[in-house]
Amino acid sequence: MGVAVTTNTYMDLCREIDILDIRISSLEREREHLRRMMFANAPSGASTVDYSKERVSSSYEPFPLNEIVSRINGIDKSLEPLYKVMNEKELAKRQMEEKISEFEGLDYKVAYLRMQGKSLIEIADELGYSYDWIKKVSSRINKGTFKALLD
């Protein structure tokens, strides 16, 4: 697997983690909303009724408690495997970062710094090369002409 493939794999992994994070956050917000609905269904305490006023009917009907609990339990069951997958992907990301950072050679260093989201100008400054040379190296990596194998 070449450097270009490695950077693409790493970036794909980062996107997958972002997507999982969005899904987990969405489910957690839904669970919190349902939890608040449980308390909204609670009786509001002792109150008096003014029979001198006309009664106005309301279309509000509280969500049944058993249905709220059932939905919360369903969300919790959905979240368990998502948390597990997220942890595994974050572990894989950290391991990839560690391994890639150990590589020697300019191509690997440029690829690693690109994975960190640095611009070619920043990479050139950090590594002490000209912008044009780093641009050429990055282009070579992106075209896949660098055929080094990763173990």
N, C-alpha and C. Protein backbone atom coordinates (compact mmCIF):
# COMPACT_ATOMS: atom_id res chain seq x y z
N MET A 1 0.85 -1.17 0.00
CA MET A 1 0.00 0.00 0.00
C MET A 1 0.89 1.23 0.00
N GLY A 2 0.70 2.13 -0.97
CA GLY A 2 1.53 3.32 -1.08
C GLY A 2 1.07 4.43 -0.16
N VAL A 3 1.86 5.50 -0.17
CA VAL A 3 1.56 6.64 0.69
C VAL A 3 0.21 7.24 0.35
N ALA A 4 -0.09 7.38 -0.95
CA ALA A 4 -1.37 7.97 -1.35
C ALA A 4 -2.54 7.13 -0.84
N VAL A 5 -2.40 5.82 -0.94
CA VAL A 5 -3.45 4.94 -0.44
C VAL A 5 -3.59 5.08 1.06
N THR A 6 -2.46 5.19 1.75
CA THR A 6 -2.48 5.33 3.20
C THR A 6 -3.18 6.62 3.61
N THR A 7 -2.86 7.73 2.94
CA THR A 7 -3.50 9.00 3.30
C THR A 7 -4.99 8.95 3.00
N ASN A 8 -5.37 8.33 1.89
CA ASN A 8 -6.80 8.21 1.58
C ASN A 8 -7.50 7.34 2.61
N THR A 9 -6.87 6.25 3.01
CA THR A 9 -7.45 5.37 4.02
C THR A 9 -7.62 6.12 5.33
N TYR A 10 -6.61 6.87 5.71
CA TYR A 10 -6.67 7.64 6.95
C TYR A 10 -7.78 8.69 6.88
N MET A 11 -7.86 9.40 5.77
CA MET A 11 -8.90 10.43 5.63
C MET A 11 -10.29 9.81 5.62
N ASP A 12 -10.44 8.65 4.98
CA ASP A 12 -11.72 7.94 5.01
C ASP A 12 -12.09 7.56 6.43
N LEU A 13 -11.11 7.09 7.18
CA LEU A 13 -11.34 6.72 8.58
C LEU A 13 -11.79 7.94 9.38
N CYS A 14 -11.16 9.07 9.15
CA CYS A 14 -11.55 10.32 9.85
C CYS A 14 -12.98 10.71 9.51
N ARG A 15 -13.35 10.56 8.24
CA ARG A 15 -14.73 10.88 7.83
C ARG A 15 -15.72 9.92 8.48
N GLU A 16 -15.37 8.64 8.54
CA GLU A 16 -16.25 7.67 9.19
C GLU A 16 -16.45 8.02 10.66
N ILE A 17 -15.38 8.44 11.32
CA ILE A 17 -15.48 8.84 12.73
C ILE A 17 -16.39 10.06 12.86
N ASP A 18 -16.26 11.02 11.95
CA ASP A 18 -17.13 12.21 11.99
C ASP A 18 -18.60 11.83 11.80
N ILE A 19 -18.86 10.92 10.87
CA ILE A 19 -20.24 10.49 10.61
C ILE A 19 -20.80 9.77 11.83
N LEU A 20 -20.01 8.89 12.42
CA LEU A 20 -20.45 8.20 13.63
C LEU A 20 -20.73 9.19 14.75
N ASP A 21 -19.88 10.18 14.89
CA ASP A 21 -20.07 11.19 15.93
C ASP A 21 -21.38 11.94 15.73
N ILE A 22 -21.70 12.27 14.49
CA ILE A 22 -22.97 12.95 14.20
C ILE A 22 -24.14 12.06 14.58
N ARG A 23 -24.08 10.79 14.22
CA ARG A 23 -25.17 9.85 14.53
C ARG A 23 -25.33 9.68 16.04
N ILE A 24 -24.22 9.51 16.74
CA ILE A 24 -24.27 9.34 18.19
C ILE A 24 -24.85 10.59 18.84
N SER A 25 -24.40 11.75 18.42
CA SER A 25 -24.91 13.01 18.99
C SER A 25 -26.41 13.16 18.76
N SER A 26 -26.85 12.78 17.58
CA SER A 26 -28.27 12.86 17.26
C SER A 26 -29.10 11.96 18.18
N LEU A 27 -28.65 10.73 18.36
CA LEU A 27 -29.36 9.81 19.24
C LEU A 27 -29.34 10.28 20.69
N GLU A 28 -28.21 10.83 21.13
CA GLU A 28 -28.13 11.33 22.50
C GLU A 28 -29.07 12.52 22.71
N ARG A 29 -29.18 13.41 21.71
CA ARG A 29 -30.12 14.53 21.82
C ARG A 29 -31.56 14.04 21.87
N GLU A 30 -31.87 13.03 21.06
CA GLU A 30 -33.22 12.47 21.06
C GLU A 30 -33.53 11.85 22.42
N ARG A 31 -32.56 11.13 22.98
CA ARG A 31 -32.75 10.52 24.29
C ARG A 31 -32.98 11.60 25.35
N GLU A 32 -32.21 12.67 25.30
CA GLU A 32 -32.38 13.77 26.26
C GLU A 32 -33.75 14.43 26.11
N HIS A 33 -34.20 14.60 24.88
CA HIS A 33 -35.53 15.16 24.63
C HIS A 33 -36.61 14.26 25.24
N LEU A 34 -36.49 12.97 25.02
CA LEU A 34 -37.47 12.04 25.59
C LEU A 34 -37.43 12.06 27.12
N ARG A 35 -36.24 12.17 27.67
CA ARG A 35 -36.11 12.22 29.13
C ARG A 35 -36.84 13.45 29.68
N ARG A 36 -36.70 14.58 28.98
CA ARG A 36 -37.40 15.79 29.41
C ARG A 36 -38.91 15.63 29.29
N MET A 37 -39.34 14.89 28.26
CA MET A 37 -40.78 14.66 28.08
C MET A 37 -41.36 13.87 29.25
N MET A 38 -40.54 12.99 29.84
CA MET A 38 -41.03 12.23 31.01
C MET A 38 -41.42 13.19 32.12
N PHE A 39 -40.59 14.20 32.33
CA PHE A 39 -40.87 15.15 33.40
C PHE A 39 -42.00 16.10 33.02
N ALA A 40 -42.18 16.35 31.74
CA ALA A 40 -43.28 17.21 31.29
C ALA A 40 -44.62 16.53 31.50
N ASN A 41 -44.61 15.19 31.53
CA ASN A 41 -45.84 14.44 31.74
C ASN A 41 -46.25 14.40 33.20
N ALA A 42 -45.35 14.76 34.08
CA ALA A 42 -45.64 14.68 35.52
C ALA A 42 -46.75 15.65 35.88
N PRO A 43 -47.55 15.28 36.88
CA PRO A 43 -48.61 16.20 37.31
C PRO A 43 -48.00 17.51 37.79
N SER A 44 -48.70 18.59 37.54
CA SER A 44 -48.15 19.90 37.88
C SER A 44 -48.46 20.31 39.31
N GLY A 45 -49.01 19.44 40.08
CA GLY A 45 -49.27 19.77 41.48
C GLY A 45 -50.72 20.16 41.68
N ALA A 46 -51.05 20.50 42.90
CA ALA A 46 -52.42 20.87 43.24
C ALA A 46 -52.74 22.24 42.66
N SER A 47 -53.87 22.33 42.00
CA SER A 47 -54.30 23.62 41.46
C SER A 47 -55.81 23.71 41.54
N THR A 48 -56.30 24.90 41.43
CA THR A 48 -57.75 25.10 41.48
C THR A 48 -58.24 25.44 40.09
N VAL A 49 -59.50 25.19 39.88
CA VAL A 49 -60.11 25.45 38.59
C VAL A 49 -61.08 26.62 38.75
N ASP A 50 -61.01 27.56 37.86
CA ASP A 50 -61.92 28.70 37.87
C ASP A 50 -63.09 28.37 36.94
N TYR A 51 -64.23 28.05 37.55
CA TYR A 51 -65.39 27.65 36.75
C TYR A 51 -66.14 28.84 36.17
N SER A 52 -65.72 30.05 36.50
CA SER A 52 -66.41 31.22 35.96
C SER A 52 -65.99 31.50 34.52
N LYS A 53 -64.88 30.92 34.10
CA LYS A 53 -64.39 31.14 32.73
C LYS A 53 -64.81 29.99 31.83
N GLU A 54 -64.90 30.32 30.55
CA GLU A 54 -65.22 29.27 29.59
C GLU A 54 -64.05 28.29 29.51
N ARG A 55 -64.36 27.03 29.38
CA ARG A 55 -63.30 26.03 29.26
C ARG A 55 -62.76 26.02 27.84
N VAL A 56 -61.48 25.96 27.75
CA VAL A 56 -60.83 25.89 26.45
C VAL A 56 -60.15 24.53 26.37
N SER A 57 -60.49 23.79 25.35
CA SER A 57 -59.86 22.46 25.23
C SER A 57 -58.50 22.61 24.57
N SER A 58 -57.62 21.80 25.00
CA SER A 58 -56.27 21.82 24.47
C SER A 58 -56.03 20.55 23.68
N SER A 59 -55.27 20.66 22.63
CA SER A 59 -54.97 19.46 21.83
C SER A 59 -53.75 18.73 22.38
N TYR A 60 -53.14 19.28 23.43
CA TYR A 60 -51.95 18.65 24.00
C TYR A 60 -52.33 17.41 24.78
N GLU A 61 -51.72 16.31 24.41
CA GLU A 61 -51.86 15.09 25.18
C GLU A 61 -50.47 14.60 25.49
N PRO A 62 -50.20 14.33 26.74
CA PRO A 62 -48.85 13.88 27.09
C PRO A 62 -48.53 12.55 26.42
N PHE A 63 -47.27 12.40 26.08
CA PHE A 63 -46.78 11.15 25.50
C PHE A 63 -46.81 10.08 26.60
N PRO A 64 -47.36 8.92 26.33
CA PRO A 64 -47.44 7.89 27.39
C PRO A 64 -46.05 7.51 27.91
N LEU A 65 -45.96 7.41 29.22
CA LEU A 65 -44.68 7.14 29.87
C LEU A 65 -44.06 5.83 29.39
N ASN A 66 -44.89 4.80 29.26
CA ASN A 66 -44.34 3.50 28.84
C ASN A 66 -43.74 3.58 27.43
N GLU A 67 -44.32 4.43 26.58
CA GLU A 67 -43.78 4.58 25.23
C GLU A 67 -42.46 5.36 25.26
N ILE A 68 -42.38 6.36 26.13
CA ILE A 68 -41.14 7.12 26.29
C ILE A 68 -40.02 6.19 26.75
N VAL A 69 -40.31 5.39 27.77
CA VAL A 69 -39.30 4.47 28.31
C VAL A 69 -38.88 3.47 27.24
N SER A 70 -39.84 2.98 26.48
CA SER A 70 -39.54 2.01 25.42
C SER A 70 -38.62 2.64 24.36
N ARG A 71 -38.91 3.87 23.97
CA ARG A 71 -38.07 4.54 22.97
C ARG A 71 -36.67 4.83 23.51
N ILE A 72 -36.59 5.24 24.77
CA ILE A 72 -35.27 5.49 25.38
C ILE A 72 -34.46 4.20 25.41
N ASN A 73 -35.10 3.10 25.78
CA ASN A 73 -34.39 1.81 25.80
C ASN A 73 -33.93 1.42 24.40
N GLY A 74 -34.75 1.68 23.39
CA GLY A 74 -34.37 1.39 22.01
C GLY A 74 -33.17 2.22 21.57
N ILE A 75 -33.16 3.49 21.97
CA ILE A 75 -32.03 4.36 21.65
C ILE A 75 -30.77 3.85 22.33
N ASP A 76 -30.89 3.47 23.60
CA ASP A 76 -29.73 2.95 24.33
C ASP A 76 -29.17 1.70 23.66
N LYS A 77 -30.06 0.83 23.17
CA LYS A 77 -29.60 -0.37 22.47
C LYS A 77 -28.91 -0.02 21.15
N SER A 78 -29.37 1.04 20.50
CA SER A 78 -28.73 1.48 19.26
C SER A 78 -27.38 2.12 19.53
N LEU A 79 -27.26 2.81 20.66
CA LEU A 79 -26.02 3.51 20.97
C LEU A 79 -24.88 2.57 21.35
N GLU A 80 -25.19 1.46 22.02
CA GLU A 80 -24.14 0.54 22.48
C GLU A 80 -23.18 0.14 21.36
N PRO A 81 -23.68 -0.42 20.25
CA PRO A 81 -22.73 -0.82 19.19
C PRO A 81 -22.05 0.38 18.54
N LEU A 82 -22.74 1.52 18.48
CA LEU A 82 -22.12 2.71 17.89
C LEU A 82 -20.94 3.19 18.73
N TYR A 83 -21.10 3.17 20.06
CA TYR A 83 -19.98 3.54 20.95
C TYR A 83 -18.80 2.59 20.74
N LYS A 84 -19.11 1.30 20.61
CA LYS A 84 -18.05 0.30 20.43
C LYS A 84 -17.30 0.53 19.11
N VAL A 85 -18.05 0.73 18.04
CA VAL A 85 -17.43 0.97 16.73
C VAL A 85 -16.62 2.26 16.76
N MET A 86 -17.16 3.30 17.40
CA MET A 86 -16.45 4.58 17.50
C MET A 86 -15.12 4.40 18.23
N ASN A 87 -15.13 3.68 19.34
CA ASN A 87 -13.90 3.44 20.09
C ASN A 87 -12.88 2.68 19.25
N GLU A 88 -13.34 1.67 18.50
CA GLU A 88 -12.44 0.88 17.66
C GLU A 88 -11.83 1.75 16.55
N LYS A 89 -12.65 2.59 15.94
CA LYS A 89 -12.15 3.45 14.86
C LYS A 89 -11.19 4.50 15.40
N GLU A 90 -11.47 5.06 16.57
CA GLU A 90 -10.55 6.04 17.15
C GLU A 90 -9.22 5.38 17.53
N LEU A 91 -9.29 4.14 18.01
CA LEU A 91 -8.06 3.40 18.32
C LEU A 91 -7.26 3.16 17.03
N ALA A 92 -7.94 2.74 15.97
CA ALA A 92 -7.27 2.51 14.69
C ALA A 92 -6.64 3.81 14.17
N LYS A 93 -7.34 4.92 14.34
CA LYS A 93 -6.80 6.21 13.91
C LYS A 93 -5.53 6.55 14.67
N ARG A 94 -5.55 6.38 15.99
CA ARG A 94 -4.35 6.66 16.80
C ARG A 94 -3.20 5.76 16.40
N GLN A 95 -3.49 4.47 16.16
CA GLN A 95 -2.44 3.53 15.77
C GLN A 95 -1.86 3.91 14.41
N MET A 96 -2.72 4.31 13.47
CA MET A 96 -2.22 4.74 12.16
C MET A 96 -1.34 5.97 12.29
N GLU A 97 -1.77 6.92 13.11
CA GLU A 97 -0.97 8.14 13.31
C GLU A 97 0.40 7.81 13.89
N GLU A 98 0.43 6.89 14.86
CA GLU A 98 1.70 6.50 15.47
C GLU A 98 2.62 5.85 14.44
N LYS A 99 2.09 4.91 13.68
CA LYS A 99 2.90 4.19 12.69
C LYS A 99 3.39 5.13 11.58
N ILE A 100 2.51 5.96 11.08
CA ILE A 100 2.89 6.84 9.98
C ILE A 100 3.92 7.86 10.45
N SER A 101 3.80 8.32 11.69
CA SER A 101 4.76 9.31 12.19
C SER A 101 6.16 8.72 12.34
N GLU A 102 6.27 7.39 12.39
CA GLU A 102 7.57 6.73 12.52
C GLU A 102 8.31 6.60 11.19
N PHE A 103 7.62 6.77 10.07
CA PHE A 103 8.25 6.59 8.77
C PHE A 103 9.33 7.62 8.54
N GLU A 104 10.32 7.22 7.77
CA GLU A 104 11.41 8.11 7.37
C GLU A 104 11.20 8.47 5.91
N GLY A 105 11.82 9.49 5.47
CA GLY A 105 11.73 9.89 4.07
C GLY A 105 10.77 11.05 3.89
N LEU A 106 11.10 11.87 2.94
CA LEU A 106 10.33 13.09 2.70
C LEU A 106 8.90 12.80 2.29
N ASP A 107 8.71 11.78 1.44
CA ASP A 107 7.36 11.46 0.97
C ASP A 107 6.43 11.14 2.13
N TYR A 108 6.93 10.33 3.05
CA TYR A 108 6.13 9.96 4.21
C TYR A 108 5.84 11.16 5.11
N LYS A 109 6.87 11.99 5.30
CA LYS A 109 6.69 13.17 6.15
C LYS A 109 5.65 14.12 5.55
N VAL A 110 5.74 14.33 4.24
CA VAL A 110 4.77 15.20 3.57
C VAL A 110 3.37 14.61 3.69
N ALA A 111 3.26 13.31 3.45
CA ALA A 111 1.95 12.65 3.55
C ALA A 111 1.39 12.77 4.96
N TYR A 112 2.23 12.57 5.96
CA TYR A 112 1.79 12.65 7.35
C TYR A 112 1.31 14.06 7.69
N LEU A 113 2.06 15.06 7.26
CA LEU A 113 1.68 16.44 7.57
C LEU A 113 0.42 16.85 6.79
N ARG A 114 0.25 16.31 5.58
CA ARG A 114 -0.99 16.57 4.83
C ARG A 114 -2.18 15.95 5.56
N MET A 115 -1.97 14.77 6.13
CA MET A 115 -3.04 14.12 6.89
C MET A 115 -3.44 14.95 8.10
N GLN A 116 -2.51 15.69 8.63
CA GLN A 116 -2.80 16.55 9.77
C GLN A 116 -3.49 17.84 9.33
N GLY A 117 -3.68 18.00 8.03
CA GLY A 117 -4.40 19.15 7.52
C GLY A 117 -3.55 20.38 7.26
N LYS A 118 -2.24 20.20 7.22
CA LYS A 118 -1.35 21.35 6.99
C LYS A 118 -1.28 21.66 5.50
N SER A 119 -1.10 22.94 5.20
CA SER A 119 -0.97 23.37 3.81
C SER A 119 0.45 23.07 3.33
N LEU A 120 0.63 23.11 2.01
CA LEU A 120 1.96 22.84 1.45
C LEU A 120 2.97 23.89 1.90
N ILE A 121 2.53 25.12 2.06
CA ILE A 121 3.44 26.18 2.53
C ILE A 121 3.90 25.88 3.96
N GLU A 122 2.97 25.48 4.82
CA GLU A 122 3.32 25.14 6.20
C GLU A 122 4.28 23.95 6.24
N ILE A 123 4.03 22.96 5.39
CA ILE A 123 4.90 21.78 5.34
C ILE A 123 6.29 22.18 4.88
N ALA A 124 6.37 23.02 3.86
CA ALA A 124 7.68 23.47 3.35
C ALA A 124 8.44 24.19 4.46
N ASP A 125 7.77 25.07 5.19
CA ASP A 125 8.43 25.79 6.29
C ASP A 125 8.89 24.83 7.38
N GLU A 126 8.03 23.89 7.74
CA GLU A 126 8.35 22.96 8.82
C GLU A 126 9.51 22.03 8.47
N LEU A 127 9.54 21.56 7.23
CA LEU A 127 10.57 20.60 6.83
C LEU A 127 11.82 21.27 6.25
N GLY A 128 11.75 22.56 6.00
CA GLY A 128 12.92 23.29 5.50
C GLY A 128 13.18 23.10 4.01
N TYR A 129 12.13 22.86 3.24
CA TYR A 129 12.25 22.72 1.79
C TYR A 129 11.49 23.87 1.13
N SER A 130 11.75 24.05 -0.15
CA SER A 130 11.01 25.09 -0.88
C SER A 130 9.58 24.62 -1.12
N TYR A 131 8.71 25.60 -1.28
CA TYR A 131 7.31 25.30 -1.56
C TYR A 131 7.17 24.49 -2.84
N ASP A 132 7.95 24.86 -3.88
CA ASP A 132 7.87 24.16 -5.16
C ASP A 132 8.25 22.69 -5.03
N TRP A 133 9.27 22.41 -4.24
CA TRP A 133 9.70 21.02 -4.07
C TRP A 133 8.64 20.21 -3.31
N ILE A 134 8.08 20.79 -2.27
CA ILE A 134 7.03 20.10 -1.50
C ILE A 134 5.80 19.89 -2.37
N LYS A 135 5.49 20.86 -3.22
CA LYS A 135 4.37 20.73 -4.14
C LYS A 135 4.60 19.56 -5.09
N LYS A 136 5.83 19.41 -5.58
CA LYS A 136 6.17 18.31 -6.48
C LYS A 136 6.06 16.97 -5.76
N VAL A 137 6.56 16.91 -4.52
CA VAL A 137 6.49 15.68 -3.73
C VAL A 137 5.03 15.32 -3.47
N SER A 138 4.24 16.30 -3.09
CA SER A 138 2.82 16.06 -2.81
C SER A 138 2.10 15.57 -4.06
N SER A 139 2.43 16.15 -5.19
CA SER A 139 1.83 15.74 -6.46
C SER A 139 2.20 14.29 -6.78
N ARG A 140 3.45 13.95 -6.54
CA ARG A 140 3.92 12.58 -6.78
C ARG A 140 3.15 11.61 -5.89
N ILE A 141 2.93 11.99 -4.65
CA ILE A 141 2.19 11.14 -3.72
C ILE A 141 0.75 10.98 -4.20
N ASN A 142 0.12 12.08 -4.58
CA ASN A 142 -1.28 12.04 -5.00
C ASN A 142 -1.49 11.24 -6.28
N LYS A 143 -0.51 11.25 -7.17
CA LYS A 143 -0.62 10.48 -8.41
C LYS A 143 -0.37 9.00 -8.18
N GLY A 144 0.14 8.66 -7.01
CA GLY A 144 0.39 7.25 -6.71
C GLY A 144 1.63 6.70 -7.34
N THR A 145 2.55 7.57 -7.79
CA THR A 145 3.76 7.07 -8.43
C THR A 145 4.77 6.58 -7.41
N PHE A 146 4.57 6.94 -6.18
CA PHE A 146 5.48 6.47 -5.13
C PHE A 146 4.99 5.10 -4.70
N LYS A 147 5.75 4.06 -4.97
CA LYS A 147 5.29 2.69 -4.79
C LYS A 147 5.84 2.02 -3.54
N ALA A 148 6.27 2.77 -2.56
CA ALA A 148 6.80 2.16 -1.34
C ALA A 148 5.69 1.37 -0.65
N LEU A 149 6.08 0.32 -0.01
CA LEU A 149 5.10 -0.50 0.70
C LEU A 149 5.13 -0.20 2.18
N LEU A 150 3.96 -0.22 2.77
CA LEU A 150 3.83 -0.05 4.22
C LEU A 150 3.63 -1.42 4.84
N ASP A 151 4.25 -1.63 5.97
CA ASP A 151 4.04 -2.91 6.67
C ASP A 151 3.13 -2.74 7.84
